[in-house]
C-alpha cells in the first residue's frame, strides 16, 4: 500500500525524542491545507493534533496553520475593520464583561470584528449566546458582517461559519480530553487583516507564543491578555500579565489592578446583568471595573491614549458617556 500523503507530517512530529522536530512554516501551511480540504483520515488528524499538543506548537507552525486557515475563510479583502477581537475560551467565574468594552469602542468610531466558538467546554458562557440579550445576532456570512459593521460598527461571526472544519475540530476537545493547537490558531486568524488585534490566554506559556506568531504574521499593533478565564478581559481586582506588539516591537508588563481588595464573586452568573449594567439599571463594581480596565488597555493599543493613567481616565469617561438606550 502506498504511503498516505499526510503521513510524512505525522512522522516529522512523532519520530521519537531524537528524530522528531517541529514543522517549518511552509510544512505547517501544507499540513493544515490538507486538513481543511478534508484530505486527512481521522486517525491521522487525532495523532497529528495530540503530537503537537505534547510537543507544544511553535510560532512558525502556528503561522503556517493560520495562513492556510485564512485562505479557507474566504474573507473579502475590501472589508475594513479597526480591531480584530478573538473570543474562544468562554467565561465560568465572571460574566463576559469585555463585550461591553467592545460596545463602547464601537460607539466611538472603532469598527470591531469579534469571532469565536461556543459549546466546546461545559459550564461556560460564550459571547455568541450573549448577543441575543442585546438584540444582536451572529453573522452567517461575510455580507452580514459588512452590514453589521456599517450599521453598528460591531460584528460577530462564529468559526463554524468562517472556517467550518476548524469549528468541527474545536468540538473534539471533550473527545480528545485536551485542547489542541486549533484553539490557538483560531484566536490568531485575524481573517480581515486588521492592523490591531486583541486575544486572551489562560496558560502563561501561550502568551509569548501568541505574541511571536502575530509578529510573524505581520501584526503591527497586538495585545495578548492573560485575563479572566483565558479571555481578553483584564481583572480589576488582580494584576494581569499583558504582552504588546507596538509598531512591530515586542514588550510585556503587569497591568495593575484598579481595586486593591479582591471582590466577592457572584454566586450565579446571570447574563441579563450585562444589559442591566449597560443601561445603568444596576451598579456592578467588578463588572464596571473590568470594562474600564480592559477598555483602557485597548485605547492604548488603538493609539487613542499613550499612558496608562490617561487611558483609564478616558475609559471612565467613555463608559460614563455610553448611550444607555442603545440596547
Protein backbone atom coordinates (compact mmCIF):
# COMPACT_ATOMS: atom_id res chain seq x y z
CA UNK A 1 0.00 0.00 0.00
CA UNK A 2 1.33 3.43 -0.94
CA UNK A 3 2.01 5.85 1.91
CA UNK A 4 -0.71 8.44 2.54
CA UNK A 5 0.39 11.99 1.52
CA UNK A 6 -0.24 13.26 5.05
CA UNK A 7 1.83 10.54 6.74
CA UNK A 8 5.15 12.47 6.47
CA UNK A 9 3.74 15.27 8.63
CA UNK A 10 2.76 12.83 11.38
CA UNK A 11 6.20 11.22 11.11
CA UNK A 12 8.03 14.54 11.44
CA UNK A 13 6.32 15.16 14.79
CA UNK A 14 6.32 11.61 16.11
CA UNK A 15 9.66 10.05 15.17
CA UNK A 16 10.92 9.95 18.74
CA UNK A 17 12.99 12.14 21.00
CA UNK A 18 15.96 12.29 18.66
CA UNK A 19 14.24 12.02 15.29
CA UNK A 20 11.24 14.32 15.67
CA UNK A 21 11.21 18.06 15.07
CA UNK A 22 8.83 20.96 14.61
CA UNK A 23 7.30 21.66 11.23
CA UNK A 24 8.63 24.53 9.20
CA UNK A 25 6.15 27.28 8.36
CA UNK A 26 5.66 26.01 4.77
CA UNK A 27 5.21 22.44 6.05
CA UNK A 28 2.64 23.64 8.59
CA UNK A 29 0.81 25.51 5.83
CA UNK A 30 0.69 22.39 3.64
CA UNK A 31 -0.41 20.15 6.53
CA UNK A 32 -3.26 22.46 7.59
CA UNK A 33 -4.29 22.94 3.97
CA UNK A 34 -4.72 19.18 3.65
CA UNK A 35 -6.69 19.04 6.92
CA UNK A 36 -9.06 21.82 5.88
CA UNK A 37 -9.52 20.27 2.43
CA UNK A 38 -10.68 17.04 4.09
CA UNK A 39 -7.72 15.08 2.70
CA UNK A 40 -6.69 13.60 6.07
CA UNK A 41 -8.02 10.47 7.76
CA UNK A 42 -9.48 10.81 11.27
CA UNK A 43 -6.70 8.66 12.74
CA UNK A 44 -4.09 10.96 11.22
CA UNK A 45 -5.83 14.09 12.45
CA UNK A 46 -6.03 12.84 16.04
CA UNK A 47 -2.39 11.73 16.04
CA UNK A 48 -1.24 15.00 14.48
CA UNK A 49 -3.12 17.22 16.92
CA UNK A 50 -2.02 15.35 20.01
CA UNK A 51 1.62 15.11 18.93
CA UNK A 52 1.57 18.88 18.53
CA UNK A 53 -0.13 19.22 21.91
CA UNK A 54 2.57 17.20 23.68
CA UNK A 55 5.41 19.00 21.88
CA UNK A 56 3.70 22.42 22.11
CA UNK A 57 3.27 24.22 18.84
CA UNK A 58 5.94 26.65 17.67
CA UNK A 59 5.24 30.17 16.36
CA UNK A 60 6.36 29.04 12.89
CA UNK A 61 3.89 26.15 12.95
CA UNK A 62 1.06 28.38 14.13
CA UNK A 63 1.85 30.98 11.47
CA UNK A 64 1.66 28.32 8.75
CA UNK A 65 -1.61 26.99 10.14
CA UNK A 66 -3.11 30.49 10.27
CA UNK A 67 -2.08 31.25 6.69
CA UNK A 68 -3.86 28.10 5.50
CA UNK A 69 -6.95 28.86 7.59
CA UNK A 70 -7.20 32.39 6.17
CA UNK A 71 -7.46 31.03 2.66
CA UNK A 72 -10.38 28.84 3.70
CA UNK A 73 -12.12 31.75 5.45
CA UNK A 74 -12.68 33.49 2.07
CA UNK A 75 -12.87 36.87 3.80
CA UNK A 76 -13.41 39.87 1.48
CA UNK A 77 -10.24 41.90 1.13
CA UNK A 78 -12.13 45.19 0.84
CA UNK A 79 -13.86 44.87 4.23
CA UNK A 80 -12.01 47.15 6.65
CA UNK A 81 -12.01 46.90 10.44
CA UNK A 82 -10.06 48.66 13.17
CA UNK A 83 -9.85 45.84 15.72
CA UNK A 84 -9.89 42.05 15.45
CA UNK A 85 -11.06 40.52 18.77
CA UNK A 86 -10.96 36.75 19.28
CA UNK A 87 -13.11 35.08 21.95
CA UNK A 88 -12.82 31.31 22.19
CA UNK A 89 -12.37 30.39 25.86
CA UNK A 90 -15.76 31.26 27.35
CA UNK A 91 -16.24 32.51 30.91
CA UNK A 92 -17.04 30.47 34.00
CA UNK A 93 -16.08 32.63 37.01
CA UNK A 94 -17.29 36.01 35.82
CA UNK A 95 -19.65 37.30 33.16
CA UNK A 96 -18.08 38.31 29.81
CA UNK A 97 -17.83 41.99 30.70
CA UNK A 98 -15.40 42.58 27.85
CA UNK A 99 -18.35 42.58 25.46
CA UNK A 100 -19.42 45.91 26.94
CA UNK A 101 -15.93 47.31 26.34
CA UNK A 102 -16.29 46.31 22.67
CA UNK A 103 -19.63 48.13 22.51
CA UNK A 104 -18.09 51.30 23.98
CA UNK A 105 -15.36 51.22 21.33
CA UNK A 106 -17.94 50.73 18.60
CA UNK A 107 -19.75 53.87 19.78
CA UNK A 108 -16.52 55.79 19.39
CA UNK A 109 -15.71 55.21 15.74
CA UNK A 110 -13.92 51.88 16.14
CA UNK A 111 -15.04 49.05 13.84
CA UNK A 112 -14.79 45.89 15.95
CA UNK A 113 -14.90 42.40 14.45
CA UNK A 114 -15.27 39.64 17.03
CA UNK A 115 -15.04 35.93 16.26
CA UNK A 116 -15.20 32.85 18.42
CA UNK A 117 -16.69 29.48 19.20
CA UNK A 118 -19.10 28.07 21.74
CA UNK A 119 -20.11 24.86 23.43
CA UNK A 120 -16.78 23.05 23.46
CA UNK A 121 -16.47 23.20 27.28
CA UNK A 122 -19.40 22.66 29.64
CA UNK A 123 -20.32 25.31 32.18
CA UNK A 124 -19.00 28.32 30.29
CA UNK A 125 -20.69 31.41 28.89
CA UNK A 126 -19.87 32.26 25.29
CA UNK A 127 -20.27 35.59 23.51
CA UNK A 128 -22.41 34.12 20.74
CA UNK A 129 -25.05 33.26 23.34
CA UNK A 130 -24.87 36.76 24.88
CA UNK A 131 -25.72 38.64 21.69
CA UNK A 132 -29.47 38.00 21.82
CA UNK A 133 -29.70 39.88 25.13
CA UNK A 134 -28.69 42.99 23.16
CA UNK A 135 -30.91 42.33 20.16
CA UNK A 136 -27.92 41.22 18.10
CA UNK A 137 -27.15 38.03 16.20
CA UNK A 138 -24.06 36.29 14.88
CA UNK A 139 -23.41 36.89 11.19
CA UNK A 140 -23.84 33.85 8.97
CA UNK A 141 -21.78 35.16 6.06
CA UNK A 142 -19.41 37.99 5.20
CA UNK A 143 -22.11 40.16 3.64
CA UNK A 144 -23.87 40.25 7.01
CA UNK A 145 -20.58 41.11 8.75
CA UNK A 146 -20.24 44.09 6.41
CA UNK A 147 -23.83 45.19 7.06
CA UNK A 148 -23.43 44.87 10.84
CA UNK A 149 -20.20 46.86 10.80
CA UNK A 150 -21.76 49.64 8.74
CA UNK A 151 -24.85 49.72 10.96
CA UNK A 152 -23.35 49.41 14.44
CA UNK A 153 -19.56 49.19 14.00
CA UNK A 154 -19.65 45.78 15.66
CA UNK A 155 -19.97 42.31 14.14
CA UNK A 156 -19.56 38.77 15.39
CA UNK A 157 -19.00 35.60 13.36
CA UNK A 158 -18.55 32.07 14.62
CA UNK A 159 -15.61 29.99 13.46
CA UNK A 160 -18.29 27.47 12.44
CA UNK A 161 -19.31 29.87 9.68
CA UNK A 162 -15.88 31.30 8.96
CA UNK A 163 -13.96 28.01 8.59
CA UNK A 164 -16.43 25.20 9.34
CA UNK A 165 -13.84 22.43 9.56
CA UNK A 166 -11.96 24.31 12.27
CA UNK A 167 -15.22 24.59 14.20
CA UNK A 168 -15.60 20.82 13.97
CA UNK A 169 -12.07 20.24 15.24
CA UNK A 170 -12.60 22.57 18.22
CA UNK A 171 -15.56 20.41 19.23
CA UNK A 172 -13.18 17.42 19.54
CA UNK A 173 -11.97 18.76 22.89
CA UNK A 174 -14.30 16.59 25.04
CA UNK A 175 -13.42 13.58 22.86
CA UNK A 176 -9.65 14.03 22.98
CA UNK A 177 -9.73 15.30 26.56
CA UNK A 178 -7.37 18.16 25.71
CA UNK A 179 -7.36 21.40 23.80
CA UNK A 180 -5.49 21.28 20.50
CA UNK A 181 -3.45 23.82 18.53
CA UNK A 182 -6.65 24.71 16.67
CA UNK A 183 -7.81 26.62 19.75
CA UNK A 184 -4.71 28.79 19.41
CA UNK A 185 -4.71 29.26 15.65
CA UNK A 186 -8.37 30.37 15.67
CA UNK A 187 -7.50 33.12 18.12
CA UNK A 188 -4.83 34.40 15.74
CA UNK A 189 -6.62 34.01 12.41
CA UNK A 190 -7.45 37.75 12.00
CA UNK A 191 -9.23 36.98 8.71
CA UNK A 192 -9.81 40.61 7.71
CA UNK A 193 -6.18 41.61 8.27
CA UNK A 194 -6.81 44.21 10.96
CA UNK A 195 -3.75 46.22 11.96
CA UNK A 196 -4.80 45.96 15.63
CA UNK A 197 -5.61 42.63 17.29
CA UNK A 198 -6.51 41.51 20.81
CA UNK A 199 -6.71 37.98 22.16
CA UNK A 200 -6.66 36.20 25.50
CA UNK A 201 -4.77 33.28 27.02
CA UNK A 202 -5.04 31.30 30.24
CA UNK A 203 -1.75 29.39 30.47
CA UNK A 204 1.34 31.61 30.87
CA UNK A 205 3.38 29.75 28.25
CA UNK A 206 0.94 30.62 25.48
CA UNK A 207 1.19 34.40 25.84
CA UNK A 208 4.66 34.77 24.25
CA UNK A 209 3.69 32.16 21.65
CA UNK A 210 0.70 34.27 20.58
CA UNK A 211 2.86 37.38 20.55
CA UNK A 212 5.63 35.84 18.42
CA UNK A 213 3.19 34.23 15.99
CA UNK A 214 1.34 37.50 15.48
CA UNK A 215 4.63 39.20 14.72
CA UNK A 216 5.46 36.53 12.11
CA UNK A 217 2.04 37.19 10.56
CA UNK A 218 2.78 40.91 10.23
CA UNK A 219 0.66 42.33 13.06
CA UNK A 220 1.95 45.80 13.96
CA UNK A 221 -0.31 46.52 16.94
CA UNK A 222 -1.20 43.48 19.04
CA UNK A 223 -2.35 42.87 22.61
CA UNK A 224 -2.41 39.49 24.35
CA UNK A 225 -4.09 39.49 27.76
CA UNK A 226 -3.68 36.76 30.35
CA UNK A 227 -7.04 37.72 31.78
CA UNK A 228 -10.09 36.19 33.33
CA UNK A 229 -10.74 32.64 32.17
CA UNK A 230 -8.49 32.90 29.13
CA UNK A 231 -10.46 35.73 27.55
CA UNK A 232 -9.16 39.20 26.67
CA UNK A 233 -10.55 40.79 29.81
CA UNK A 234 -8.45 42.44 32.50
CA UNK A 235 -9.26 41.68 36.13
CA UNK A 236 -9.89 44.91 38.06
CA UNK A 237 -9.01 43.32 41.41
CA UNK A 238 -5.84 41.47 40.36
CA UNK A 239 -2.67 42.37 38.46
CA UNK A 240 -2.69 40.89 34.94
CA UNK A 241 0.12 39.97 32.57
CA UNK A 242 -0.21 41.57 29.14
CA UNK A 243 2.01 41.41 26.08
CA UNK A 244 2.26 44.04 23.40
CA UNK A 245 3.27 44.35 19.80
CA UNK A 246 3.77 48.06 19.18
CA UNK A 247 4.99 49.16 15.79
CA UNK A 248 6.36 45.66 15.31
CA UNK A 249 8.27 45.59 18.62
CA UNK A 250 7.57 43.12 21.45
CA UNK A 251 7.18 44.01 25.11
CA UNK A 252 5.35 42.79 28.21
CA UNK A 253 4.19 44.25 31.50
CA UNK A 254 1.95 43.75 34.51
CA UNK A 255 -1.25 45.78 34.22
CA UNK A 256 -2.05 46.89 37.80
CA UNK A 257 -5.39 46.30 39.45
CA UNK A 258 -7.66 49.28 39.97
CA UNK A 259 -9.19 47.84 43.16
CA UNK A 260 -6.86 46.92 45.98
CA UNK A 261 -9.27 44.46 47.57
CA UNK A 262 -10.48 41.23 45.98
CA UNK A 263 -14.16 41.43 45.15
CA UNK A 264 -16.71 38.77 46.02
CA UNK A 265 -17.69 36.62 43.04
CA UNK A 266 -21.36 36.50 42.04
CA UNK A 267 -22.99 33.29 43.21
CA UNK A 268 -24.90 32.96 39.94
CA UNK A 269 -23.80 34.27 36.53
CA UNK A 270 -26.87 35.93 35.06
CA UNK A 271 -26.24 37.22 31.51
CA UNK A 272 -29.17 39.65 31.88
CA UNK A 273 -26.94 41.58 34.28
CA UNK A 274 -24.76 42.66 31.35
CA UNK A 275 -27.64 44.50 29.73
CA UNK A 276 -28.86 45.94 33.04
CA UNK A 277 -25.38 47.27 33.75
CA UNK A 278 -25.13 48.82 30.27
CA UNK A 279 -28.46 50.55 30.79
CA UNK A 280 -27.37 51.86 34.18
CA UNK A 281 -30.16 49.98 35.95
CA UNK A 282 -27.71 48.30 38.34
CA UNK A 283 -24.24 49.04 39.65
CA UNK A 284 -21.72 46.20 39.47
CA UNK A 285 -18.33 47.08 40.90
CA UNK A 286 -16.42 44.16 39.39
CA UNK A 287 -18.13 44.38 36.01
CA UNK A 288 -17.63 48.11 35.56
CA UNK A 289 -14.03 47.78 36.74
CA UNK A 290 -13.40 45.01 34.20
CA UNK A 291 -14.91 47.12 31.41
CA UNK A 292 -12.84 50.18 32.32
CA UNK A 293 -9.56 48.27 32.75
CA UNK A 294 -10.00 46.34 29.51
CA UNK A 295 -11.13 49.42 27.62
CA UNK A 296 -8.11 51.39 28.84
CA UNK A 297 -5.66 48.81 27.51
CA UNK A 298 -7.43 48.83 24.15
CA UNK A 299 -7.31 52.62 23.95
CA UNK A 300 -3.53 52.33 24.19
CA UNK A 301 -3.49 49.57 21.58
CA UNK A 302 -5.55 51.74 19.22
CA UNK A 303 -3.27 54.72 19.95
CA UNK A 304 -6.12 56.78 21.39
CA UNK A 305 -4.05 57.15 24.59
CA UNK A 306 -0.37 56.70 25.40
CA UNK A 307 -0.13 56.48 29.19
CA UNK A 308 -1.95 54.06 31.48
CA UNK A 309 -3.39 56.72 33.77
CA UNK A 310 -4.63 58.81 30.86
CA UNK A 311 -6.15 55.71 29.28
CA UNK A 312 -8.02 54.87 32.49
CA UNK A 313 -9.40 58.41 32.75
CA UNK A 314 -10.55 58.30 29.12
CA UNK A 315 -12.03 54.81 29.59
CA UNK A 316 -14.07 56.01 32.58
CA UNK A 317 -15.28 59.00 30.59
CA UNK A 318 -16.30 56.89 27.58
CA UNK A 319 -18.07 54.37 29.82
CA UNK A 320 -19.94 57.17 31.55
CA UNK A 321 -20.92 58.72 28.21
CA UNK A 322 -22.20 55.50 26.63
CA UNK A 323 -25.64 55.51 25.04
CA UNK A 324 -27.62 53.68 27.69
CA UNK A 325 -30.64 53.49 25.38
CA UNK A 326 -28.71 51.77 22.57
CA UNK A 327 -29.90 48.29 23.56
